[in-house]
C-alpha atoms as a PDB file:
ATOM      1  CA  MET A   1     233.532  18.121-164.438  1.00  0.00           C
ATOM      2  CA  ALA A   2     236.082  17.135-161.377  1.00  0.00           C
ATOM      3  CA  GLU A   3     234.855  16.446-158.030  1.00  0.00           C
ATOM      4  CA  TYR A   4     235.499  18.500-155.095  1.00  0.00           C
ATOM      5  CA  HIS A   5     237.974  17.722-153.058  1.00  0.00           C
ATOM      6  CA  GLY A   6     238.770  20.400-150.709  1.00  0.00           C
ATOM      7  CA  PRO A   7     238.446  20.825-146.866  1.00  0.00           C
ATOM      8  CA  GLU A   8     235.120  19.886-146.885  1.00  0.00           C
ATOM      9  CA  GLY A   9     235.273  16.974-149.031  1.00  0.00           C
ATOM     10  CA  PRO A  10     232.288  15.867-151.675  1.00  0.00           C
ATOM     11  CA  HIS A  11     230.046  16.903-148.685  1.00  0.00           C
ATOM     12  CA  LEU A  12     229.884  20.484-150.031  1.00  0.00           C
ATOM     13  CA  ALA A  13     229.487  19.424-152.869  1.00  0.00           C
ATOM     14  CA  ALA A  14     226.535  17.663-152.149  1.00  0.00           C
ATOM     15  CA  ALA A  15     225.135  19.893-149.688  1.00  0.00           C
ATOM     16  CA  VAL A  16     225.228  22.306-152.893  1.00  0.00           C
ATOM     17  CA  ASP A  17     223.846  19.610-155.193  1.00  0.00           C
ATOM     18  CA  ASP A  18     220.852  19.801-152.513  1.00  0.00           C
ATOM     19  CA  ALA A  19     220.088  22.936-152.413  1.00  0.00           C
ATOM     20  CA  ALA A  20     220.330  23.508-156.165  1.00  0.00           C
ATOM     21  CA  PRO A  21     216.557  22.399-156.281  1.00  0.00           C
ATOM     22  CA  ALA A  22     215.281  24.930-154.624  1.00  0.00           C
ATOM     23  CA  LEU A  23     217.096  27.851-157.380  1.00  0.00           C
ATOM     24  CA  LEU A  24     216.241  25.612-160.253  1.00  0.00           C
ATOM     25  CA  ALA A  25     212.568  25.610-159.261  1.00  0.00           C
ATOM     26  CA  ALA A  26     212.593  29.917-159.383  1.00  0.00           C
ATOM     27  CA  TRP A  27     213.671  29.292-162.601  1.00  0.00           C
ATOM     28  CA  ASP A  28     211.637  26.838-164.007  1.00  0.00           C
ATOM     29  CA  ALA A  29     208.593  28.703-162.035  1.00  0.00           C
ATOM     30  CA  ALA A  30     209.376  31.586-163.993  1.00  0.00           C
ATOM     31  CA  ARG A  31     209.545  29.977-167.668  1.00  0.00           C
ATOM     32  CA  GLU A  32     206.363  28.775-166.453  1.00  0.00           C
ATOM     33  CA  ARG A  33     204.842  31.615-166.049  1.00  0.00           C
ATOM     34  CA  ALA A  34     206.206  32.740-169.417  1.00  0.00           C
ATOM     35  CA  THR A  35     203.943  33.984-172.096  1.00  0.00           C
ATOM     36  CA  PRO A  36     204.122  32.266-174.622  1.00  0.00           C
ATOM     37  CA  ARG A  37     205.147  29.148-172.669  1.00  0.00           C
ATOM     38  CA  VAL A  38     208.401  27.913-174.202  1.00  0.00           C
ATOM     39  CA  SER A  39     209.950  24.411-172.986  1.00  0.00           C
ATOM     40  CA  TRP A  40     213.709  24.415-171.995  1.00  0.00           C
ATOM     41  CA  PRO A  41     215.094  23.204-175.060  1.00  0.00           C
ATOM     42  CA  GLN A  42     213.541  26.863-176.690  1.00  0.00           C
ATOM     43  CA  LEU A  43     214.298  28.805-174.090  1.00  0.00           C
ATOM     44  CA  ASN A  44     217.755  27.620-173.890  1.00  0.00           C
ATOM     45  CA  ALA A  45     218.440  28.348-177.597  1.00  0.00           C
ATOM     46  CA  LEU A  46     216.617  31.914-177.257  1.00  0.00           C
ATOM     47  CA  LEU A  47     219.522  32.443-174.615  1.00  0.00           C
ATOM     48  CA  VAL A  48     222.220  31.346-176.711  1.00  0.00           C
ATOM     49  CA  VAL A  49     220.761  33.409-179.696  1.00  0.00           C
ATOM     50  CA  GLU A  50     220.655  36.691-177.288  1.00  0.00           C
ATOM     51  CA  ARG A  51     224.469  35.779-176.090  1.00  0.00           C
ATOM     52  CA  GLU A  52     225.241  35.113-179.887  1.00  0.00           C
ATOM     53  CA  GLU A  53     223.855  37.189-181.891  1.00  0.00           C
ATOM     54  CA  GLY A  54     223.834  36.167-185.752  1.00  0.00           C
ATOM     55  CA  ILE A  55     225.254  32.451-185.021  1.00  0.00           C
ATOM     56  CA  ASN A  56     224.274  29.735-187.552  1.00  0.00           C
ATOM     57  CA  LEU A  57     222.492  26.367-187.120  1.00  0.00           C
ATOM     58  CA  ARG A  58     225.694  24.305-186.969  1.00  0.00           C
ATOM     59  CA  GLY A  59     227.020  26.982-183.923  1.00  0.00           C
ATOM     60  CA  LEU A  60     224.238  26.766-182.332  1.00  0.00           C
ATOM     61  CA  ALA A  61     223.980  22.767-182.741  1.00  0.00           C
ATOM     62  CA  GLY A  62     227.312  23.045-180.910  1.00  0.00           C
ATOM     63  CA  GLN A  63     225.815  25.098-177.951  1.00  0.00           C
ATOM     64  CA  LEU A  64     223.272  23.568-176.968  1.00  0.00           C
ATOM     65  CA  LYS A  65     225.306  20.006-177.656  1.00  0.00           C
ATOM     66  CA  MET A  66     222.885  18.595-180.544  1.00  0.00           C
ATOM     67  CA  ILE A  67     222.654  17.224-183.484  1.00  0.00           C
ATOM     68  CA  LEU A  68     222.163  19.422-186.192  1.00  0.00           C
ATOM     69  CA  SER A  69     218.968  17.852-187.238  1.00  0.00           C
ATOM     70  CA  SER A  70     217.519  18.237-184.218  1.00  0.00           C
ATOM     71  CA  ALA A  71     218.560  22.256-183.879  1.00  0.00           C
ATOM     72  CA  SER A  72     217.358  22.727-187.080  1.00  0.00           C
ATOM     73  CA  ARG A  73     213.633  21.165-185.711  1.00  0.00           C
ATOM     74  CA  LEU A  74     213.879  23.606-183.139  1.00  0.00           C
ATOM     75  CA  CYS A  75     215.199  26.432-184.850  1.00  0.00           C
ATOM     76  CA  ASP A  76     211.956  25.798-187.200  1.00  0.00           C
ATOM     77  CA  ARG A  77     209.519  25.868-184.474  1.00  0.00           C
ATOM     78  CA  LEU A  78     211.022  28.660-183.101  1.00  0.00           C
ATOM     79  CA  VAL A  79     210.721  30.636-186.100  1.00  0.00           C
ATOM     80  CA  ALA A  80     207.566  29.593-186.486  1.00  0.00           C
ATOM     81  CA  SER A  81     206.359  30.876-183.397  1.00  0.00           C
ATOM     82  CA  GLY A  82     207.863  34.330-184.493  1.00  0.00           C
ATOM     83  CA  MET A  83     210.862  34.295-181.656  1.00  0.00           C
ATOM     84  CA  VAL A  84     213.789  33.614-183.701  1.00  0.00           C
ATOM     85  CA  GLU A  85     214.601  35.445-187.551  1.00  0.00           C
ATOM     86  CA  ARG A  86     216.944  33.584-190.267  1.00  0.00           C
ATOM     87  CA  VAL A  87     219.187  36.078-191.956  1.00  0.00           C
ATOM     88  CA  PRO A  88     221.003  35.017-194.532  1.00  0.00           C
ATOM     89  CA  GLY A  89     224.662  35.341-193.801  1.00  0.00           C
ATOM     90  CA  ARG A  90     226.542  38.586-194.680  1.00  0.00           C
ATOM     91  CA  ALA A  91     229.873  36.800-195.644  1.00  0.00           C
ATOM     92  CA  ASP A  92     228.481  33.464-197.270  1.00  0.00           C
ATOM     93  CA  ARG A  93     224.756  34.101-198.599  1.00  0.00           C
ATOM     94  CA  ARG A  94     224.288  30.109-197.877  1.00  0.00           C
ATOM     95  CA  GLU A  95     224.846  30.359-194.638  1.00  0.00           C
ATOM     96  CA  ILE A  96     221.771  31.699-192.078  1.00  0.00           C
ATOM     97  CA  ALA A  97     222.167  33.646-189.386  1.00  0.00           C
ATOM     98  CA  LEU A  98     219.786  33.816-186.266  1.00  0.00           C
ATOM     99  CA  PHE A  99     218.707  36.771-184.252  1.00  0.00           C
ATOM    100  CA  LEU A 100     215.545  37.490-182.082  1.00  0.00           C
ATOM    101  CA  THR A 101     212.835  38.815-182.767  1.00  0.00           C
ATOM    102  CA  PRO A 102     211.183  41.543-180.863  1.00  0.00           C
ATOM    103  CA  SER A 103     208.524  39.438-179.086  1.00  0.00           C
ATOM    104  CA  SER A 104     211.541  36.862-177.978  1.00  0.00           C
ATOM    105  CA  ARG A 105     213.777  39.884-176.515  1.00  0.00           C
ATOM    106  CA  GLN A 106     210.348  41.029-174.656  1.00  0.00           C
ATOM    107  CA  LEU A 107     209.784  37.742-173.451  1.00  0.00           C
ATOM    108  CA  LEU A 108     213.242  37.283-172.134  1.00  0.00           C
ATOM    109  CA  HIS A 109     213.112  40.150-170.655  1.00  0.00           C
ATOM    110  CA  ASP A 110     209.666  39.480-168.798  1.00  0.00           C
ATOM    111  CA  LEU A 111     210.754  35.849-167.986  1.00  0.00           C
ATOM    112  CA  ARG A 112     214.021  37.644-165.708  1.00  0.00           C
ATOM    113  CA  ALA A 113     211.740  39.974-164.259  1.00  0.00           C
ATOM    114  CA  THR A 114     209.573  37.249-163.022  1.00  0.00           C
ATOM    115  CA  ARG A 115     212.128  35.091-162.090  1.00  0.00           C
ATOM    116  CA  ARG A 116     213.959  38.009-160.299  1.00  0.00           C
ATOM    117  CA  GLU A 117     210.303  38.715-157.926  1.00  0.00           C
ATOM    118  CA  ILE A 118     210.300  34.794-157.533  1.00  0.00           C
ATOM    119  CA  LEU A 119     214.423  35.451-155.992  1.00  0.00           C
ATOM    120  CA  ALA A 120     213.552  38.117-154.328  1.00  0.00           C
ATOM    121  CA  GLU A 121     210.583  36.893-152.173  1.00  0.00           C
ATOM    122  CA  VAL A 122     212.492  33.923-151.296  1.00  0.00           C
ATOM    123  CA  LEU A 123     215.522  36.079-150.442  1.00  0.00           C
ATOM    124  CA  ASP A 124     213.301  38.312-148.142  1.00  0.00           C
ATOM    125  CA  ARG A 125     212.952  35.028-145.764  1.00  0.00           C
ATOM    126  CA  MET A 126     216.593  34.862-145.533  1.00  0.00           C
ATOM    127  CA  SER A 127     218.528  36.729-142.692  1.00  0.00           C
ATOM    128  CA  PRO A 128     220.886  39.403-144.098  1.00  0.00           C
ATOM    129  CA  ALA A 129     223.867  37.395-143.074  1.00  0.00           C
ATOM    130  CA  GLY A 130     222.889  34.666-145.198  1.00  0.00           C
ATOM    131  CA  ARG A 131     221.918  36.613-147.779  1.00  0.00           C
ATOM    132  CA  SER A 132     225.766  38.670-148.406  1.00  0.00           C
ATOM    133  CA  ALA A 133     227.234  35.012-147.940  1.00  0.00           C
ATOM    134  CA  LEU A 134     224.980  33.215-150.314  1.00  0.00           C
ATOM    135  CA  ILE A 135     225.779  36.534-152.931  1.00  0.00           C
ATOM    136  CA  ARG A 136     229.405  36.045-152.181  1.00  0.00           C
ATOM    137  CA  GLY A 137     229.589  32.391-152.550  1.00  0.00           C
ATOM    138  CA  LEU A 138     227.339  32.573-155.988  1.00  0.00           C
ATOM    139  CA  ALA A 139     229.485  35.454-157.224  1.00  0.00           C
ATOM    140  CA  GLU A 140     233.065  33.080-156.571  1.00  0.00           C
ATOM    141  CA  PHE A 141     231.210  30.064-157.804  1.00  0.00           C
ATOM    142  CA  SER A 142     230.554  31.754-161.426  1.00  0.00           C
ATOM    143  CA  ALA A 143     233.883  33.082-161.726  1.00  0.00           C
ATOM    144  CA  ALA A 144     235.412  29.410-160.493  1.00  0.00           C
ATOM    145  CA  ALA A 145     233.199  27.769-163.239  1.00  0.00           C
ATOM    146  CA  ALA A 146     233.477  30.703-165.871  1.00  0.00           C
ATOM    147  CA  ALA A 147     237.588  29.769-165.273  1.00  0.00           C
ATOM    148  CA  GLU A 148     237.014  25.899-165.639  1.00  0.00           C
ATOM    149  CA  THR A 149     234.783  27.093-169.037  1.00  0.00           C
ATOM    150  CA  ASP A 150     237.546  29.398-170.462  1.00  0.00           C
ATOM    151  CA  GLY A 151     240.410  26.664-169.936  1.00  0.00           C
ATOM    152  CA  ASN A 152     238.400  24.189-171.613  1.00  0.00           C
ATOM    153  CA  GLN A 153     238.093  26.363-174.960  1.00  0.00           C
ATOM    154  CA  ALA A 154     241.366  27.058-174.882  1.00  0.00           C
ATOM    155  CA  ARG A 155     242.872  23.290-175.036  1.00  0.00           C
ATOM    156  CA  THR A 156     240.071  22.665-177.829  1.00  0.00           C
ATOM    157  CA  ALA A 157     241.014  25.633-179.626  1.00  0.00           C
END
């Protein structure tokens, strides 16, 4: 990703980078409270399967930027823990499609609820103007990041 060269130069990017650990700490605290506890790689895999129901193992490995054998072992652990189901593909029975189980859907729901509670506690300590600015800024940041991702996908397609 290109370095930010706007009017504030690299100072703005450094300020965002310095603030990001507080946000990441909220995500990690929610993950730590999840039952059953899941590792970051397991959580990322569940989120990919949730976003792309029926994804195959090769697609999962690509999304997670892992080699196929590592993604397979990760998937094996998720299947053994009852978090993911393997289903033969509709078009090609040799291909395996991955789906979330009801327990993993509940886990993700609970994780998001906990994360939002943690974030709400922090947001309550901010001024109304600060909260509004944060929401506007994050929405614009998200849109800019999505545009970058869409542009990268279009270039590789």
